[in-house]
């Protein structure tokens, strides 16, 4: 049933967090194209996006590569996109844009929702934290996993509201 699926997902997430906390994971360092990582994440969420008629677009430089662990980086991006999809109204849009300079690769993911409540911003990456608009079965660990994965790969993530009031995740890999 869906309850068993949810519990399996929760246990897997908690195990991931425990492994990340204990630095018990050896991150592979391989060259990845950011466009491919985003395509994989979109593919995993396709059913949810189609069901809610959410349009996902990704744009950036033709070659924008990272040296990170494929599996963990895809999971981090997937968790962020899933969060965006949960907070974007039906028929809305999620946009990812990426670029690279000699110092870092940047990925910005903006949802079509109403943005973050300012008081929640300092807490959204804390484990078990569920903001006001969180899905009822949300355990509050997806963004904590994303942050841990990104930071263990010489990256930085923060969340902000865009000038037009949407939520935006900004990730930089150095």
Protein backbone atom coordinates (compact mmCIF):
# COMPACT_ATOMS: atom_id res chain seq x y z
CA UNK A 1 0.00 0.00 0.00
CA UNK A 2 0.98 3.66 -0.16
CA UNK A 3 1.53 3.64 3.62
CA UNK A 4 4.22 0.95 3.28
CA UNK A 5 5.83 2.88 0.42
CA UNK A 6 5.92 6.01 2.56
CA UNK A 7 7.48 4.14 5.49
CA UNK A 8 10.13 2.60 3.22
CA UNK A 9 10.94 6.05 1.88
CA UNK A 10 11.16 7.47 5.40
CA UNK A 11 13.47 4.69 6.62
CA UNK A 12 15.68 5.07 3.53
CA UNK A 13 15.86 8.84 4.12
CA UNK A 14 16.76 8.42 7.78
CA UNK A 15 19.47 5.88 6.89
CA UNK A 16 20.86 8.30 4.30
CA UNK A 17 20.99 11.11 6.86
CA UNK A 18 22.70 8.88 9.43
CA UNK A 19 25.33 7.80 6.87
CA UNK A 20 25.90 11.39 5.77
CA UNK A 21 26.22 12.53 9.41
CA UNK A 22 28.81 9.89 10.22
CA UNK A 23 30.73 10.61 6.99
CA UNK A 24 30.31 6.89 6.32
CA UNK A 25 29.77 7.49 2.62
CA UNK A 26 32.60 7.66 0.14
CA UNK A 27 31.49 10.14 -2.50
CA UNK A 28 32.62 9.24 -5.99
CA UNK A 29 33.99 12.14 -7.94
CA UNK A 30 32.88 11.93 -11.56
CA UNK A 31 32.26 14.51 -14.23
CA UNK A 32 28.54 15.12 -14.66
CA UNK A 33 26.64 17.41 -16.99
CA UNK A 34 24.18 19.45 -14.93
CA UNK A 35 21.61 19.22 -17.73
CA UNK A 36 21.67 15.39 -17.46
CA UNK A 37 21.29 15.47 -13.67
CA UNK A 38 18.23 17.72 -14.05
CA UNK A 39 16.75 15.45 -16.74
CA UNK A 40 17.13 12.42 -14.45
CA UNK A 41 15.43 14.25 -11.57
CA UNK A 42 12.60 15.40 -13.84
CA UNK A 43 12.14 11.85 -15.12
CA UNK A 44 11.76 10.57 -11.53
CA UNK A 45 9.08 13.21 -10.87
CA UNK A 46 7.35 13.00 -14.25
CA UNK A 47 4.20 11.32 -12.92
CA UNK A 48 3.75 13.92 -10.17
CA UNK A 49 4.42 16.82 -12.57
CA UNK A 50 2.01 15.50 -15.22
CA UNK A 51 -0.69 14.78 -12.64
CA UNK A 52 -0.51 18.39 -11.42
CA UNK A 53 0.07 19.88 -14.91
CA UNK A 54 3.30 21.51 -13.74
CA UNK A 55 5.75 22.56 -16.44
CA UNK A 56 9.45 22.11 -15.66
CA UNK A 57 12.04 23.95 -17.72
CA UNK A 58 15.81 23.91 -17.39
CA UNK A 59 18.17 26.20 -19.22
CA UNK A 60 21.83 27.00 -19.04
CA UNK A 61 25.16 26.88 -20.78
CA UNK A 62 25.51 23.94 -23.17
CA UNK A 63 28.36 22.46 -21.15
CA UNK A 64 27.99 22.99 -17.46
CA UNK A 65 29.75 20.21 -15.62
CA UNK A 66 30.30 19.22 -12.02
CA UNK A 67 32.69 16.81 -10.36
CA UNK A 68 30.40 15.10 -7.88
CA UNK A 69 28.86 11.76 -6.99
CA UNK A 70 26.10 11.01 -9.52
CA UNK A 71 23.74 9.04 -7.27
CA UNK A 72 23.91 11.43 -4.32
CA UNK A 73 23.80 14.59 -6.42
CA UNK A 74 20.75 13.30 -8.31
CA UNK A 75 19.06 12.51 -5.00
CA UNK A 76 19.79 16.01 -3.66
CA UNK A 77 18.40 17.71 -6.79
CA UNK A 78 15.40 15.36 -6.82
CA UNK A 79 14.58 16.28 -3.20
CA UNK A 80 14.71 19.99 -4.06
CA UNK A 81 12.54 19.56 -7.19
CA UNK A 82 10.06 17.44 -5.24
CA UNK A 83 9.78 20.21 -2.65
CA UNK A 84 9.19 22.74 -5.44
CA UNK A 85 6.53 20.53 -7.03
CA UNK A 86 4.69 20.17 -3.70
CA UNK A 87 4.54 23.97 -3.34
CA UNK A 88 3.67 24.86 -6.94
CA UNK A 89 -0.04 25.15 -7.69
CA UNK A 90 -1.64 22.98 -10.36
CA UNK A 91 -0.78 24.29 -13.82
CA UNK A 92 2.25 26.17 -12.45
CA UNK A 93 5.87 26.23 -13.48
CA UNK A 94 9.24 25.26 -12.01
CA UNK A 95 12.34 26.76 -13.61
CA UNK A 96 15.96 25.72 -13.26
CA UNK A 97 18.78 27.81 -14.65
CA UNK A 98 22.48 27.12 -14.37
CA UNK A 99 25.78 28.71 -15.25
CA UNK A 100 29.46 28.28 -14.59
CA UNK A 101 32.40 30.57 -13.96
CA UNK A 102 36.02 29.81 -13.06
CA UNK A 103 35.15 29.66 -9.34
CA UNK A 104 31.85 27.78 -9.13
CA UNK A 105 28.90 26.20 -10.90
CA UNK A 106 25.55 27.70 -9.91
CA UNK A 107 22.09 26.17 -10.12
CA UNK A 108 18.97 28.17 -9.27
CA UNK A 109 15.64 26.33 -8.97
CA UNK A 110 12.54 28.50 -8.67
CA UNK A 111 9.05 27.17 -8.02
CA UNK A 112 5.66 28.64 -8.90
CA UNK A 113 4.37 28.82 -5.35
CA UNK A 114 3.95 31.63 -2.84
CA UNK A 115 7.51 31.65 -1.52
CA UNK A 116 8.81 31.04 1.96
CA UNK A 117 7.31 32.54 5.10
CA UNK A 118 10.25 34.72 6.23
CA UNK A 119 10.33 33.17 9.74
CA UNK A 120 10.69 29.71 8.16
CA UNK A 121 13.72 30.50 5.99
CA UNK A 122 16.34 29.85 8.70
CA UNK A 123 14.81 26.41 9.39
CA UNK A 124 13.91 24.81 6.08
CA UNK A 125 17.09 22.70 5.88
CA UNK A 126 16.69 21.38 9.44
CA UNK A 127 15.73 17.74 9.68
CA UNK A 128 12.08 17.04 10.51
CA UNK A 129 11.15 20.68 9.89
CA UNK A 130 7.89 21.02 7.99
CA UNK A 131 6.87 24.50 6.91
CA UNK A 132 3.32 25.79 6.72
CA UNK A 133 2.64 24.50 3.20
CA UNK A 134 4.27 21.07 3.60
CA UNK A 135 2.46 18.01 2.30
CA UNK A 136 0.63 16.16 5.07
CA UNK A 137 2.87 13.08 4.75
CA UNK A 138 6.10 15.09 4.55
CA UNK A 139 8.67 13.87 7.08
CA UNK A 140 10.87 16.95 6.72
CA UNK A 141 14.10 15.18 5.75
CA UNK A 142 14.43 15.70 1.98
CA UNK A 143 15.95 19.18 2.17
CA UNK A 144 18.18 18.14 5.10
CA UNK A 145 19.57 15.33 2.92
CA UNK A 146 20.03 17.71 -0.04
CA UNK A 147 21.99 20.16 2.13
CA UNK A 148 24.21 17.44 3.63
CA UNK A 149 24.99 15.96 0.20
CA UNK A 150 25.78 19.32 -1.37
CA UNK A 151 27.96 20.47 1.54
CA UNK A 152 29.92 17.20 1.55
CA UNK A 153 30.79 17.87 -2.09
CA UNK A 154 32.26 21.34 -1.58
CA UNK A 155 28.95 23.02 -2.24
CA UNK A 156 26.67 25.53 -0.60
CA UNK A 157 22.87 25.83 -0.69
CA UNK A 158 20.50 28.49 0.52
CA UNK A 159 16.88 29.42 0.00
CA UNK A 160 15.39 32.80 -0.72
CA UNK A 161 12.28 34.45 -2.09
CA UNK A 162 12.46 35.91 -5.59
CA UNK A 163 11.39 39.52 -6.21
CA UNK A 164 8.08 38.19 -7.61
CA UNK A 165 7.43 36.13 -4.47
CA UNK A 166 8.38 32.57 -5.47
CA UNK A 167 10.64 30.21 -3.55
CA UNK A 168 14.14 29.82 -4.97
CA UNK A 169 16.94 27.40 -4.07
CA UNK A 170 20.44 28.56 -4.96
CA UNK A 171 23.21 25.95 -5.09
CA UNK A 172 26.87 26.64 -5.74
CA UNK A 173 29.49 23.95 -6.20
CA UNK A 174 33.04 25.30 -5.83
